[in-house]
Every structure is written in structure tokens, then in C-alpha cells.
Protein backbone atom coordinates (compact mmCIF):
# COMPACT_ATOMS: atom_id res chain seq x y z
CA UNK A 1 -133.08 111.80 20.03
CA UNK A 2 -131.64 110.46 16.76
CA UNK A 3 -130.44 106.91 16.16
CA UNK A 4 -126.99 106.13 17.56
CA UNK A 5 -124.25 105.78 14.97
CA UNK A 6 -120.78 104.29 15.36
CA UNK A 7 -118.17 105.90 13.11
CA UNK A 8 -114.81 104.14 13.02
CA UNK A 9 -111.72 105.97 11.84
CA UNK A 10 -108.50 104.08 11.14
CA UNK A 11 -105.26 106.00 11.68
CA UNK A 12 -102.34 104.58 9.68
CA UNK A 13 -98.81 104.31 10.99
CA UNK A 14 -96.99 102.35 8.32
CA UNK A 15 -98.84 99.03 8.21
CA UNK A 16 -100.21 99.33 11.75
CA UNK A 17 -103.68 100.74 12.36
CA UNK A 18 -105.33 102.26 15.41
CA UNK A 19 -109.13 102.20 15.50
CA UNK A 20 -110.89 105.27 16.88
CA UNK A 21 -114.57 104.81 17.64
CA UNK A 22 -116.95 107.76 17.77
CA UNK A 23 -120.52 107.21 18.98
CA UNK A 24 -122.94 109.92 17.89
CA UNK A 25 -126.47 110.34 16.58
CA UNK A 26 -127.64 111.01 13.05
CA UNK A 27 -128.72 114.51 14.09
CA UNK A 28 -125.47 115.21 15.92
CA UNK A 29 -123.44 114.04 12.97
CA UNK A 30 -125.13 116.48 10.58
CA UNK A 31 -124.88 119.25 13.17
CA UNK A 32 -121.12 118.69 13.39
CA UNK A 33 -120.58 119.36 9.67
CA UNK A 34 -119.30 122.93 9.26
CA UNK A 35 -121.54 125.31 7.36
CA UNK A 36 -120.43 126.00 3.74
CA UNK A 37 -118.25 122.87 3.73
CA UNK A 38 -117.50 121.51 0.21
CA UNK A 39 -118.91 118.00 -0.32
CA UNK A 40 -119.40 115.58 -3.21
CA UNK A 41 -122.76 114.08 -4.13
CA UNK A 42 -123.85 111.16 -6.31
CA UNK A 43 -127.26 112.13 -7.71
CA UNK A 44 -129.61 109.43 -9.05
CA UNK A 45 -130.98 110.27 -12.50
CA UNK A 46 -134.43 109.34 -13.82
CA UNK A 47 -134.52 106.51 -16.36
CA UNK A 48 -130.88 105.50 -16.01
CA UNK A 49 -128.61 103.53 -13.72
CA UNK A 50 -125.92 106.16 -13.86
CA UNK A 51 -125.21 108.70 -11.13
CA UNK A 52 -124.36 112.34 -11.71
CA UNK A 53 -121.36 113.23 -9.57
CA UNK A 54 -121.02 116.86 -8.62
CA UNK A 55 -119.25 119.08 -6.10
CA UNK A 56 -121.45 121.35 -4.02
CA UNK A 57 -121.64 123.25 -0.72
CA UNK A 58 -123.25 122.01 2.51
CA UNK A 59 -125.64 124.53 4.12
CA UNK A 60 -126.91 124.09 7.67
CA UNK A 61 -130.65 124.27 8.34
CA UNK A 62 -132.32 122.22 11.09
CA UNK A 63 -130.78 118.78 11.60
CA UNK A 64 -131.38 116.16 10.30
CA UNK A 65 -132.35 118.42 7.37
CA UNK A 66 -129.79 120.32 5.31
CA UNK A 67 -129.36 122.04 1.95
CA UNK A 68 -126.83 121.61 -0.81
CA UNK A 69 -125.86 124.56 -3.00
CA UNK A 70 -124.63 124.13 -6.57
CA UNK A 71 -122.86 126.38 -9.03
CA UNK A 72 -125.06 127.63 -11.90
CA UNK A 73 -125.56 125.02 -14.62
CA UNK A 74 -124.23 122.05 -12.63
CA UNK A 75 -127.43 120.68 -11.02
CA UNK A 76 -129.61 118.58 -13.39
CA UNK A 77 -132.73 119.66 -11.47
CA UNK A 78 -135.30 118.49 -14.04
CA UNK A 79 -134.09 114.87 -14.25
CA UNK A 80 -133.16 114.00 -10.64
CA UNK A 81 -134.75 110.82 -9.28
CA UNK A 82 -136.04 112.06 -5.90
CA UNK A 83 -137.30 108.58 -4.90
CA UNK A 84 -133.79 107.11 -4.78
CA UNK A 85 -131.28 107.90 -2.00
CA UNK A 86 -128.31 110.14 -2.70
CA UNK A 87 -124.81 109.41 -1.46
CA UNK A 88 -122.82 112.36 -0.10
CA UNK A 89 -119.09 112.10 0.54
CA UNK A 90 -117.09 114.53 2.63
CA UNK A 91 -113.89 114.82 4.63
CA UNK A 92 -114.12 115.14 8.41
CA UNK A 93 -110.85 115.81 10.22
CA UNK A 94 -108.91 114.37 7.31
CA UNK A 95 -111.02 111.22 7.02
CA UNK A 96 -113.52 110.28 4.32
CA UNK A 97 -117.10 109.88 5.56
CA UNK A 98 -120.25 109.14 3.57
CA UNK A 99 -123.93 109.69 4.34
CA UNK A 100 -127.12 108.53 2.66
CA UNK A 101 -129.85 111.16 2.26
CA UNK A 102 -133.18 111.65 0.52
CA UNK A 103 -134.07 114.76 -1.47
CA UNK A 104 -137.15 116.36 0.07
CA UNK A 105 -137.37 119.28 -2.34
CA UNK A 106 -135.68 120.65 -5.45
CA UNK A 107 -135.83 124.33 -4.51
CA UNK A 108 -134.47 125.69 -7.78
CA UNK A 109 -131.70 125.12 -10.31
CA UNK A 110 -129.02 125.63 -7.64
CA UNK A 111 -130.49 124.38 -4.35
CA UNK A 112 -131.88 121.08 -3.07
CA UNK A 113 -133.20 120.23 0.40
CA UNK A 114 -132.35 116.84 1.90
CA UNK A 115 -132.83 114.76 5.05
CA UNK A 116 -130.16 112.36 6.25
CA UNK A 117 -131.11 108.67 6.46
CA UNK A 118 -127.91 107.23 7.84
CA UNK A 119 -124.18 107.68 8.13
CA UNK A 120 -122.07 105.00 6.50
CA UNK A 121 -119.37 103.81 8.88
CA UNK A 122 -115.97 102.44 7.97
CA UNK A 123 -117.12 98.86 8.54
CA UNK A 124 -120.34 99.38 6.58
CA UNK A 125 -118.64 101.09 3.66
CA UNK A 126 -117.27 97.91 2.10
CA UNK A 127 -120.62 96.10 2.34
CA UNK A 128 -122.59 99.16 1.26
CA UNK A 129 -120.64 99.79 -1.90
CA UNK A 130 -119.51 96.22 -2.62
CA UNK A 131 -120.57 94.72 -5.94
CA UNK A 132 -119.63 91.74 -8.09
CA UNK A 133 -117.51 93.40 -10.73
CA UNK A 134 -115.13 91.70 -13.17
CA UNK A 135 -112.37 93.72 -14.84
CA UNK A 136 -108.62 93.26 -15.45
CA UNK A 137 -106.20 94.59 -12.84
CA UNK A 138 -102.46 95.14 -12.66
CA UNK A 139 -100.64 94.92 -9.33
CA UNK A 140 -97.02 96.02 -9.15
CA UNK A 141 -94.34 97.01 -6.69
CA UNK A 142 -94.87 100.34 -4.99
CA UNK A 143 -92.10 102.03 -6.96
CA UNK A 144 -91.92 102.30 -10.74
CA UNK A 145 -89.43 100.31 -12.79
CA UNK A 146 -87.48 103.45 -13.71
CA UNK A 147 -87.10 104.55 -10.07
CA UNK A 148 -83.40 103.89 -9.50
CA UNK A 149 -83.68 104.81 -5.82
CA UNK A 150 -86.37 102.20 -5.13
CA UNK A 151 -85.36 99.91 -2.24
CA UNK A 152 -87.14 96.90 -3.72
CA UNK A 153 -87.00 95.00 -6.98
CA UNK A 154 -89.67 95.99 -9.50
CA UNK A 155 -92.38 93.44 -10.33
CA UNK A 156 -95.77 93.46 -12.06
CA UNK A 157 -98.57 90.86 -12.09
CA UNK A 158 -101.88 90.84 -14.00
CA UNK A 159 -105.07 89.58 -12.42
CA UNK A 160 -108.86 89.89 -12.44
CA UNK A 161 -111.06 91.81 -10.01
CA UNK A 162 -114.11 89.83 -8.88
CA UNK A 163 -115.42 92.17 -6.18
CA UNK A 164 -115.14 95.96 -5.88
CA UNK A 165 -116.11 98.50 -3.23
CA UNK A 166 -115.46 102.08 -2.21
CA UNK A 167 -112.73 100.99 0.18
CA UNK A 168 -111.22 97.84 -1.29
CA UNK A 169 -111.33 95.01 -3.80
CA UNK A 170 -111.02 91.26 -4.17
CA UNK A 171 -108.97 89.90 -7.06
CA UNK A 172 -107.59 86.63 -8.45
CA UNK A 173 -103.92 86.25 -9.42
CA UNK A 174 -101.94 83.29 -10.75
CA UNK A 175 -98.88 84.27 -8.73
CA UNK A 176 -98.45 84.81 -5.01
CA UNK A 177 -98.01 88.50 -4.16
CA UNK A 178 -96.34 90.04 -1.08
CA UNK A 179 -98.47 89.79 2.04
CA UNK A 180 -96.74 92.56 4.00
CA UNK A 181 -96.17 95.37 1.50
CA UNK A 182 -98.18 98.12 -0.13
CA UNK A 183 -98.71 97.50 -3.84
CA UNK A 184 -99.65 99.79 -6.70
CA UNK A 185 -103.01 98.93 -8.27
CA UNK A 186 -103.96 99.98 -11.80
CA UNK A 187 -107.42 99.47 -13.29
CA UNK A 188 -109.85 100.99 -15.78
CA UNK A 189 -113.57 101.04 -14.99
CA UNK A 190 -116.13 99.80 -17.53
CA UNK A 191 -117.73 103.20 -17.99
CA UNK A 192 -114.43 105.02 -18.54
CA UNK A 193 -111.90 102.82 -20.29
CA UNK A 194 -109.87 105.84 -21.38
CA UNK A 195 -108.79 106.67 -17.81
CA UNK A 196 -106.56 104.39 -15.74
CA UNK A 197 -106.88 104.64 -11.97
CA UNK A 198 -103.64 104.18 -10.05
CA UNK A 199 -103.30 104.01 -6.26
CA UNK A 200 -101.64 102.16 -3.40
CA UNK A 201 -103.39 99.30 -1.60
CA UNK A 202 -102.66 97.13 1.42
CA UNK A 203 -103.21 93.33 1.36
CA UNK A 204 -105.52 92.21 4.17
CA UNK A 205 -106.11 88.57 3.20
CA UNK A 206 -104.44 86.09 0.81
CA UNK A 207 -105.91 82.64 0.12
CA UNK A 208 -104.54 79.97 -2.23
CA UNK A 209 -107.76 78.44 -3.56
CA UNK A 210 -106.03 76.19 -6.10
CA UNK A 211 -102.46 75.56 -7.18
CA UNK A 212 -101.08 78.86 -8.57
CA UNK A 213 -104.43 80.56 -8.03
CA UNK A 214 -104.57 83.19 -5.29
CA UNK A 215 -107.51 85.27 -4.09
CA UNK A 216 -106.30 88.51 -2.49
CA UNK A 217 -108.30 91.16 -0.66
CA UNK A 218 -106.87 94.69 -0.78
CA UNK A 219 -107.79 97.80 1.20
CA UNK A 220 -107.28 101.15 -0.54
CA UNK A 221 -104.49 102.96 1.24
CA UNK A 222 -103.34 106.00 -0.75
CA UNK A 223 -106.00 107.02 -3.27
CA UNK A 224 -107.20 110.43 -4.47
CA UNK A 225 -110.73 111.62 -3.70
CA UNK A 226 -111.34 111.78 -7.45
CA UNK A 227 -110.41 108.13 -8.03
CA UNK A 228 -112.36 106.93 -4.98
CA UNK A 229 -115.40 108.89 -6.19
CA UNK A 230 -115.14 107.20 -9.59
CA UNK A 231 -115.05 103.75 -7.97
CA UNK A 232 -117.99 104.52 -5.66
CA UNK A 233 -119.95 105.94 -8.59
CA UNK A 234 -119.31 102.79 -10.64
CA UNK A 235 -120.37 100.60 -7.71
CA UNK A 236 -123.63 102.54 -7.33
CA UNK A 237 -124.31 102.19 -11.08
CA UNK A 238 -123.66 98.44 -10.91
CA UNK A 239 -125.84 98.05 -7.80
CA UNK A 240 -128.76 99.73 -9.52
CA UNK A 241 -128.36 97.59 -12.64
CA UNK A 242 -128.40 94.45 -10.52
CA UNK A 243 -131.51 95.69 -8.69
CA UNK A 244 -133.31 96.27 -11.98
CA UNK A 245 -132.25 92.83 -13.21
CA UNK A 246 -133.58 91.20 -10.02
CA UNK A 247 -136.91 92.96 -10.45
CA UNK A 248 -137.14 91.83 -14.08
CA UNK A 249 -136.39 88.21 -13.14
CA UNK A 250 -139.00 88.26 -10.37
CA UNK A 251 -141.60 89.68 -12.78
CA UNK A 252 -140.87 86.93 -15.30
CA UNK A 253 -141.23 84.22 -12.66
């Protein structure tokens, strides 16, 4: 029997959340994924910290093994790092779930075989993808300034992200922001300055660490799969860079 896994899903009703807990096994979880389901994978690449993000199709085999099928020309088969885990993201019943898997075989230019290592639960997701990451951020009211029908007054505050994950962020602001309202977050990742990510986030913790200096934790609330994938990909890149740096420091010492 496979290892037991707890998968927590949070159902939103305004600002109230109901936690649904599902207890399953690694094998059961893979078996529950529908055959030919579209998924997204972050492939590790040899000699670089970057991940190749690609859409592909899940193919059932014998759990906990499975295949992923790629369109012609999209799988960088010759340069995949098969010694590093892959991250696979998919939607299950309208909820985003991620799994970690190892490539056991590159079958050809369109097919890879994998074995699941673990499912990443809602609680684990923040820790798993969390990295120290410093970039500017803009938080503003949920509605744009030009929205004449907006029920709230428009505001905008600049700050600095100090911690980023696939499900939330931690940032410093010099003004106190609303503690009970969704806010619009705008940011540009280091590896893609030309594209601004914009999504809604919910404050989960506000701390005044000094006078006019607030540390606020936000949970991503309304965000596209594309933007979440970009954040997760950047976190994986940053994690790998930090790992390489740690190894270099240990070797020097």
C-alpha cells in the first residue's frame, strides 16, 4: 500500500474558507487522475537552473508510474536532467494540485515515463515553493481607478516582496493596508521584466514591525494558471540557484 497523503482543498465563500480534507495514498492519487488529462510540467534542464515549462497529456500506466505525452517539437529530450525531480501541476475538481515525480525513462522525442514521489498538499505548497525573493510590488484597491462603478475609493501603495511562493507572498509596505479586503497585486519577475503579473490576493497576516513599516502576508486568491505557473517556475529556479550556492560555499569551507 502506498504512503498516506492528506490533500486539503479550501473552498472560498467571500472571505470565509471551508477546509476539505481528503486522505488517500500516492498510488490512489495517481490512479484518480483521468487518462488523457492535460497537465503542466516544469522540466529540469542540464547545466542550468532554469525549468522548461510545457503543457502535455497524462497517460495512465501502472500506478505509481505514468507517462506524459508531448506535442512534436516541444519536449527537449536531449537536455533533460533526469536526476532532478519534476513538478507537475494539474486541476482536480476545479482545484490546483501539484505532484513531484522522477523521470525513469525518456522514451522518445514525445514521451517520457515517470514515477510519482509525493503529492504536494495545500499546506505544503507554500513551504515547498517558498523562496527568499526581493522584487518591487504594487498593491492597489480591487477595482481600477477608472472604474466609476467601484464601491470603494481607489488607492495604490508600493512595497517590496521579501518572500515568494506558489500560493502567496510576504511583502513590506510603509503604509498600513486593509486587513479585510482583497487587493490587486502587480509584480514583474526577475526573469521576465517585460511581463507584469496582475491578480487578486487576500491578506492573512499584518504585522507592524517598526513605525510606518508593515509586513503583510498575502494568499493568492484569483490568479490565472499561467501566472501561477510563472511564479512557481521562478521559485524553482531560485531554489536551485540557492542549492548550488550552498554547495559552493560548503566546498570552499
